[in-house]
Amino acid sequence: MDIKINVKNLKKVMSQLGRLNKDLEQPFQEVVKGGGQLIRAEAVKSIQSGAKSGIVYEKYNPRIAFNVSINCFLFKAASS
């Protein structure tokens, strides 16, 4: 199978493609940034609404309750 393509005024076509590239660069960057922000927002929402992990400790005098996760223990061990 042979395919032949003939392009007339190649220089004109190439200059128009270059101009098109410059005109579309900023809108494409904004689309990509917007998509990234949507993904970030969804990830944050998912993390905040996900199952909570860790152990709840209660102390008395004054009475307080706090949650300690495995990340806290890992951070403490790494910083020691």
Protein backbone atom coordinates (compact mmCIF):
# COMPACT_ATOMS: atom_id res chain seq x y z
CA MET A 1 0.00 0.00 0.00
CA ASP A 2 1.41 3.37 -1.04
CA ILE A 3 0.14 6.69 0.20
CA LYS A 4 1.15 9.93 -1.42
CA ILE A 5 0.51 13.34 0.06
CA ASN A 6 1.09 16.54 -1.85
CA VAL A 7 1.20 19.80 0.06
CA LYS A 8 1.14 23.09 -1.79
CA ASN A 9 2.49 26.26 -0.18
CA LEU A 10 4.34 24.32 2.51
CA LYS A 11 6.01 27.45 3.92
CA LYS A 12 2.63 29.14 4.34
CA VAL A 13 1.17 26.07 6.04
CA MET A 14 4.15 25.79 8.41
CA SER A 15 3.94 29.48 9.37
CA GLN A 16 0.21 29.14 10.07
CA LEU A 17 0.85 26.07 12.22
CA GLY A 18 3.50 28.01 14.15
CA ARG A 19 1.07 30.86 14.73
CA LEU A 20 -1.63 28.40 15.79
CA ASN A 21 0.80 26.84 18.26
CA LYS A 22 1.50 30.24 19.86
CA ASP A 23 -2.22 31.09 20.01
CA LEU A 24 -3.19 27.81 21.68
CA GLU A 25 -0.31 27.45 24.13
CA GLN A 26 -1.81 29.60 26.92
CA PRO A 27 -5.33 28.09 26.78
CA PHE A 28 -3.89 24.56 26.90
CA GLN A 29 -1.77 25.47 29.94
CA GLU A 30 -4.87 26.79 31.69
CA VAL A 31 -6.80 23.60 30.87
CA VAL A 32 -4.00 21.43 32.25
CA LYS A 33 -3.70 23.56 35.40
CA GLY A 34 -7.46 23.44 35.91
CA GLY A 35 -7.46 19.66 35.53
CA GLY A 36 -4.65 19.39 38.06
CA GLN A 37 -6.58 21.53 40.54
CA LEU A 38 -9.68 19.35 40.13
CA ILE A 39 -7.65 16.20 40.77
CA ARG A 40 -6.00 17.79 43.84
CA ALA A 41 -9.34 18.91 45.27
CA GLU A 42 -10.83 15.44 44.80
CA ALA A 43 -7.80 13.80 46.45
CA VAL A 44 -7.99 16.12 49.46
CA LYS A 45 -11.72 15.50 49.81
CA SER A 46 -11.14 11.73 49.61
CA ILE A 47 -8.42 11.82 52.25
CA GLN A 48 -10.49 13.96 54.60
CA SER A 49 -13.58 11.77 54.31
CA GLY A 50 -11.77 8.43 54.39
CA ALA A 51 -11.63 5.95 57.23
CA LYS A 52 -9.74 7.21 60.24
CA SER A 53 -6.82 5.17 61.48
CA GLY A 54 -4.90 5.13 64.70
CA ILE A 55 -5.55 4.63 68.37
CA VAL A 56 -7.64 6.90 70.58
CA TYR A 57 -6.06 7.59 73.95
CA GLU A 58 -7.93 9.18 76.85
CA LYS A 59 -6.19 11.01 79.66
CA TYR A 60 -7.75 12.33 82.84
CA ASN A 61 -7.21 15.45 84.92
CA PRO A 62 -8.15 17.33 82.74
CA ARG A 63 -10.04 14.81 80.63
CA ILE A 64 -8.85 14.83 76.99
CA ALA A 65 -8.98 12.35 74.13
CA PHE A 66 -6.58 12.31 71.20
CA ASN A 67 -5.93 10.13 68.18
CA VAL A 68 -2.42 8.83 67.45
CA SER A 69 -1.76 7.31 64.05
CA ILE A 70 1.12 5.17 62.82
CA ASN A 71 2.51 8.20 60.96
CA CYS A 72 3.06 9.94 64.29
CA PHE A 73 5.11 6.97 65.57
CA LEU A 74 7.13 6.78 62.37
CA PHE A 75 7.91 10.51 62.53
CA LYS A 76 8.95 10.26 66.18
CA ALA A 77 11.24 7.28 65.46
CA ALA A 78 12.81 8.98 62.44
CA SER A 79 13.50 12.23 64.29
CA SER A 80 15.12 10.49 67.32
